[in-house]
Protein backbone atom coordinates (compact mmCIF):
# COMPACT_ATOMS: atom_id res chain seq x y z
CA MET A 1 12.44 13.76 -8.47
CA SER A 2 11.42 16.22 -5.72
CA ASN A 3 13.70 18.96 -4.36
CA HIS A 4 13.97 16.98 -1.12
CA ASP A 5 15.07 13.87 -3.00
CA HIS A 6 17.61 15.92 -4.97
CA ALA A 7 19.10 17.21 -1.72
CA ALA A 8 19.19 13.74 -0.18
CA THR A 9 21.14 12.35 -3.14
CA SER A 10 23.39 15.34 -3.80
CA ALA A 11 26.52 13.25 -3.15
CA THR A 12 25.39 10.43 -5.44
CA ARG A 13 27.55 10.06 -8.55
CA HIS A 14 27.04 6.43 -9.62
CA ILE A 15 23.89 4.29 -9.53
CA LEU A 16 23.96 0.73 -10.86
CA ILE A 17 20.65 -0.92 -11.72
CA THR A 18 20.14 -4.54 -12.75
CA GLY A 19 17.02 -5.39 -14.74
CA ALA A 20 17.13 -1.90 -16.27
CA SER A 21 15.80 -2.86 -19.70
CA SER A 22 12.14 -2.62 -18.62
CA GLY A 23 9.73 -2.51 -15.71
CA ILE A 24 10.85 -1.28 -12.32
CA GLY A 25 14.52 -1.05 -13.29
CA ALA A 26 13.79 1.23 -16.25
CA ALA A 27 11.37 3.34 -14.22
CA LEU A 28 13.95 3.81 -11.47
CA ALA A 29 16.58 4.83 -14.03
CA ASP A 30 14.14 7.47 -15.30
CA TYR A 31 13.48 8.66 -11.74
CA PHE A 32 17.14 9.01 -10.75
CA ALA A 33 18.38 10.49 -14.05
CA ARG A 34 19.85 13.98 -13.67
CA PRO A 35 23.03 15.91 -14.51
CA GLY A 36 26.08 14.77 -12.58
CA VAL A 37 24.90 11.19 -12.08
CA HIS A 38 26.13 8.18 -14.05
CA LEU A 39 23.71 5.26 -14.33
CA SER A 40 25.09 1.82 -15.15
CA LEU A 41 22.22 -0.07 -16.72
CA TRP A 42 22.31 -3.87 -16.79
CA GLY A 43 19.88 -6.21 -18.50
CA ARG A 44 19.55 -8.96 -21.06
CA ASN A 45 18.11 -6.94 -23.96
CA PRO A 46 20.58 -4.40 -25.41
CA LYS A 47 17.94 -2.62 -27.53
CA ARG A 48 15.71 -2.04 -24.52
CA LEU A 49 18.69 -1.01 -22.42
CA GLU A 50 19.60 1.60 -25.01
CA LYS A 51 16.07 3.01 -24.85
CA THR A 52 16.42 3.36 -21.08
CA ALA A 53 19.82 5.00 -21.58
CA GLU A 54 18.28 7.49 -24.03
CA VAL A 55 15.74 8.52 -21.38
CA VAL A 56 18.56 9.06 -18.88
CA ARG A 57 20.61 11.13 -21.31
CA ALA A 58 17.60 13.23 -22.28
CA LYS A 59 17.42 14.31 -18.63
CA GLY A 60 21.09 15.28 -18.58
CA GLY A 61 22.41 12.16 -16.92
CA GLU A 62 25.16 9.84 -18.11
CA ALA A 63 24.40 6.22 -18.94
CA SER A 64 26.29 3.09 -19.87
CA ILE A 65 24.71 -0.25 -20.71
CA LEU A 66 25.79 -3.83 -20.18
CA SER A 67 23.97 -6.79 -21.70
CA LEU A 68 24.42 -9.49 -19.08
CA ASP A 69 22.70 -12.72 -18.07
CA ILE A 70 22.20 -12.51 -14.29
CA SER A 71 21.91 -16.30 -14.13
CA ASN A 72 25.73 -16.31 -14.38
CA PRO A 73 26.75 -15.10 -10.89
CA GLN A 74 30.50 -15.09 -11.55
CA ALA A 75 30.20 -12.95 -14.68
CA ALA A 76 27.92 -10.52 -12.85
CA LEU A 77 30.30 -10.31 -9.90
CA GLU A 78 33.31 -9.56 -12.12
CA ALA A 79 31.31 -6.92 -14.01
CA PHE A 80 30.34 -5.25 -10.74
CA LYS A 81 33.93 -5.15 -9.53
CA GLU A 82 34.99 -3.48 -12.78
CA ALA A 83 32.18 -0.93 -12.56
CA ASP A 84 32.92 -0.07 -8.93
CA ASP A 85 36.66 0.16 -9.56
CA ALA A 86 36.03 2.62 -12.41
CA LEU A 87 33.62 4.79 -10.39
CA PRO A 88 32.51 3.80 -6.87
CA VAL A 89 28.86 2.77 -6.81
CA ASP A 90 26.82 4.89 -4.43
CA ILE A 91 23.49 3.11 -4.94
CA LEU A 92 23.11 -0.50 -6.09
CA ILE A 93 19.58 -1.47 -7.12
CA LEU A 94 19.10 -5.19 -7.70
CA SER A 95 15.80 -5.29 -9.55
CA ALA A 96 16.46 -8.08 -12.07
CA GLY A 97 14.24 -11.04 -11.38
CA MET A 98 12.59 -14.10 -12.82
CA ALA A 99 8.96 -15.02 -12.19
CA ASP A 100 7.59 -18.33 -13.39
CA ILE A 101 4.67 -20.29 -12.06
CA ARG A 102 3.82 -23.98 -12.31
CA PRO A 103 2.82 -24.83 -15.90
CA GLU A 104 -0.78 -25.86 -16.48
CA GLY A 105 -1.14 -29.58 -15.86
CA ALA A 106 2.23 -29.92 -14.12
CA LEU A 107 2.66 -30.92 -10.49
CA ALA A 108 5.52 -28.47 -9.86
CA GLU A 109 7.90 -26.19 -11.68
CA SER A 110 10.65 -27.90 -13.70
CA ALA A 111 14.07 -28.46 -12.15
CA ASP A 112 15.71 -26.33 -14.87
CA VAL A 113 13.41 -23.41 -14.10
CA ALA A 114 14.01 -23.89 -10.38
CA LEU A 115 17.78 -23.70 -10.86
CA ALA A 116 17.66 -20.62 -13.12
CA MET A 117 15.19 -18.80 -10.86
CA SER A 118 17.26 -19.54 -7.78
CA GLN A 119 20.32 -18.05 -9.46
CA VAL A 120 18.56 -14.93 -10.78
CA ASN A 121 16.40 -14.23 -7.73
CA PHE A 122 18.78 -15.27 -4.97
CA ALA A 123 22.35 -16.41 -5.69
CA THR A 124 23.46 -13.56 -7.96
CA PRO A 125 21.81 -10.73 -5.97
CA VAL A 126 23.34 -12.11 -2.77
CA ALA A 127 26.81 -12.22 -4.34
CA LEU A 128 26.49 -8.69 -5.76
CA ALA A 129 25.09 -7.23 -2.55
CA THR A 130 27.80 -8.88 -0.47
CA GLU A 131 30.57 -7.51 -2.68
CA ALA A 132 28.96 -4.08 -2.70
CA ALA A 133 28.51 -4.10 1.08
CA ASN A 134 32.17 -4.90 1.69
CA ARG A 135 33.30 -2.11 -0.63
CA MET A 136 30.77 0.45 0.62
CA ALA A 137 31.52 -0.30 4.28
CA LYS A 138 35.15 0.65 3.71
CA ARG A 139 33.94 3.95 2.23
CA ARG A 140 31.46 4.37 5.10
CA ARG A 141 28.58 5.17 2.77
CA GLY A 142 26.23 3.54 0.28
CA ARG A 143 22.77 2.22 -0.43
CA ILE A 144 21.75 -1.27 -1.57
CA ALA A 145 18.18 -2.06 -2.65
CA MET A 146 16.95 -5.59 -3.23
CA LEU A 147 13.68 -6.38 -4.96
CA GLY A 148 11.72 -9.01 -3.10
CA SER A 149 7.98 -9.62 -3.28
CA VAL A 150 4.92 -9.99 -1.10
CA ALA A 151 4.93 -13.55 -2.48
CA SER A 152 7.73 -14.22 0.01
CA PHE A 153 5.19 -13.98 2.85
CA HIS A 154 2.97 -16.75 1.52
CA ASP A 155 3.24 -20.48 0.74
CA LEU A 156 2.19 -20.24 -2.91
CA PRO A 157 1.52 -23.70 -4.39
CA LEU A 158 1.57 -22.28 -7.95
CA ALA A 159 4.95 -20.61 -7.43
CA THR A 160 6.95 -22.56 -4.89
CA VAL A 161 10.36 -21.58 -6.28
CA TYR A 162 9.45 -17.93 -6.82
CA SER A 163 8.00 -17.45 -3.34
CA GLY A 164 10.88 -19.41 -1.82
CA SER A 165 13.61 -17.46 -3.62
CA LYS A 166 11.98 -14.16 -2.69
CA ALA A 167 11.68 -15.27 0.93
CA GLY A 168 15.39 -16.03 0.92
CA ILE A 169 16.32 -12.64 -0.52
CA GLY A 170 14.04 -10.99 2.01
CA ARG A 171 15.76 -12.52 5.01
CA PHE A 172 19.19 -11.88 3.51
CA ALA A 173 18.37 -8.21 2.89
CA THR A 174 17.16 -7.53 6.43
CA ALA A 175 20.14 -9.43 7.89
CA LEU A 176 22.53 -7.41 5.70
CA HIS A 177 20.84 -4.21 6.84
CA ALA A 178 21.50 -5.23 10.44
CA ALA A 179 25.14 -5.98 9.66
CA MET A 180 25.91 -2.90 7.55
CA SER A 181 24.00 0.00 9.09
CA PRO A 182 26.74 0.70 11.69
CA TYR A 183 29.10 1.35 8.75
CA GLY A 184 26.90 3.85 6.95
CA VAL A 185 25.60 1.33 4.41
CA LEU A 186 21.81 1.06 4.37
CA VAL A 187 20.06 -1.91 2.77
CA THR A 188 16.43 -1.69 1.66
CA LEU A 189 14.19 -4.66 0.97
CA ILE A 190 11.42 -3.82 -1.51
CA ALA A 191 8.44 -6.19 -1.21
CA PRO A 192 5.75 -5.06 -3.64
CA GLY A 193 2.52 -6.63 -4.76
CA PHE A 194 1.50 -6.55 -8.41
CA ILE A 195 3.11 -3.76 -10.45
CA ASP A 196 2.06 -2.99 -14.01
CA THR A 197 5.22 -4.27 -15.73
CA PRO A 198 5.91 -6.75 -18.56
CA MET A 199 6.40 -9.42 -15.88
CA SER A 200 2.92 -8.98 -14.43
CA GLN A 201 1.39 -8.53 -17.89
CA ARG A 202 2.28 -12.16 -18.62
CA LEU A 203 -0.17 -13.28 -15.95
CA GLU A 204 -3.84 -14.07 -16.44
CA GLY A 205 -5.99 -13.89 -13.36
CA ASP A 206 -6.78 -11.56 -10.50
CA GLN A 207 -3.96 -9.09 -9.83
CA ALA A 208 -5.39 -7.24 -6.87
CA PHE A 209 -4.33 -3.64 -6.20
CA LEU A 210 -2.18 -3.34 -9.35
CA VAL A 211 0.22 -0.38 -8.99
CA PRO A 212 1.32 1.77 -11.97
CA VAL A 213 5.04 1.40 -12.54
CA ASP A 214 5.86 5.12 -12.21
CA LYS A 215 4.07 5.30 -8.84
CA ALA A 216 5.91 2.19 -7.68
CA ALA A 217 9.26 3.68 -8.77
CA ARG A 218 8.62 6.83 -6.70
CA LYS A 219 7.82 4.79 -3.60
CA ILE A 220 10.87 2.58 -4.07
CA ALA A 221 13.27 5.45 -4.78
CA ARG A 222 12.18 7.37 -1.70
CA ALA A 223 12.59 4.28 0.47
CA ILE A 224 16.12 3.80 -0.90
CA ILE A 225 17.05 7.45 -0.36
CA SER A 226 15.77 7.43 3.21
CA GLY A 227 17.49 4.12 3.97
CA LYS A 228 14.25 2.41 4.99
CA ALA A 229 14.88 -1.21 5.94
CA VAL A 230 11.67 -2.70 4.48
CA LEU A 231 9.06 -1.32 2.10
CA VAL A 232 5.87 -3.35 1.59
CA PHE A 233 3.20 -1.95 -0.72
CA PRO A 234 0.32 -1.61 -1.34
CA TRP A 235 -0.56 -1.44 2.37
CA VAL A 236 -3.21 -4.17 2.07
CA PHE A 237 -0.44 -6.77 1.77
CA GLN A 238 0.64 -5.94 5.30
CA LEU A 239 -2.77 -7.24 6.32
CA THR A 240 -2.61 -10.40 4.18
CA ARG A 241 0.78 -11.13 5.71
CA LEU A 242 -0.69 -10.91 9.20
CA LEU A 243 -3.73 -12.92 8.15
CA GLU A 244 -1.67 -15.87 6.96
CA ILE A 245 0.28 -15.83 10.24
CA ILE A 246 -2.96 -15.95 12.21
CA LEU A 247 -4.76 -18.58 10.12
CA PRO A 248 -4.09 -22.28 10.80
CA ARG A 249 -1.65 -23.42 8.13
CA PRO A 250 -3.91 -26.14 6.64
CA LEU A 251 -6.65 -23.53 6.12
CA ALA A 252 -4.22 -21.01 4.62
CA HIS A 253 -2.89 -23.66 2.24
CA ARG A 254 -6.40 -24.64 1.19
CA ILE A 255 -7.15 -21.01 0.30
CA LEU A 256 -3.85 -20.58 -1.57
CA ARG A 257 -4.39 -23.77 -3.57
CA GLY A 258 -7.59 -22.21 -4.87
CA LEU A 259 -5.77 -19.37 -6.62
CA GLU A 260 -6.22 -19.49 -10.39
CA ILE A 261 -3.45 -17.72 -12.31
CA MET A 262 -2.01 -18.57 -15.72
CA GLN A 263 1.15 -17.22 -17.30
CA HIS A 264 2.01 -16.48 -20.91
CA PRO A 265 5.55 -17.27 -22.15
CA SER A 266 8.14 -14.52 -21.81
CA SER A 267 8.82 -12.48 -24.96
CA SER A 268 12.39 -11.60 -23.92
């Protein structure tokens, strides 16, 4: 973390990160770790969470872990309330997510996958962010970051539920930013392209402009610290977003149907 970032977060005592067992969540925990800051690390895999916690502690930070299934919104909400009651959360980073594409030979994703993905990518983050916003607004300070995706800008035939759930979280995040900024609570929507994480490593096919996870974490952390409303990266995806708006929808859909990506099963 740079000296400027240290100064900008000097009042930060508690950062809560979902999806902290690997990928972006773990990289952000590493980035924010320093003496005087407690990181609450949530994820499904306790062994991986403990590894993230060890990295935090090695940098002089404090860390606690919670093995939690984000597909259970009520359990996540109660856990957040307990964490915030114990030590008010200054920065909430909602990076846990689920990414599944249409299985080979199927016409669409399964209903079970659609339900689970909707809970993990939309329902639970919305509930957590809403609770956090209410609490932070009373304190007149706080940051909330929500991990969306550039997939939210496109009608992806291979990933209808994923792109739809990320589009929903994107609109919610920018609406919450509009509602909360007068109260000193800044909400940041993170909409990245492909990042070199276990999630993207499951995919086979072209992953254009793949970003190393440590570089992505730096970009995301600085956007959170500055209170930026929306971060889209790499920059080329700003252009693809505009391109799909300009193209006639039937033509855009024909191009998107031609994408060839396969996905390996999750190891978690």
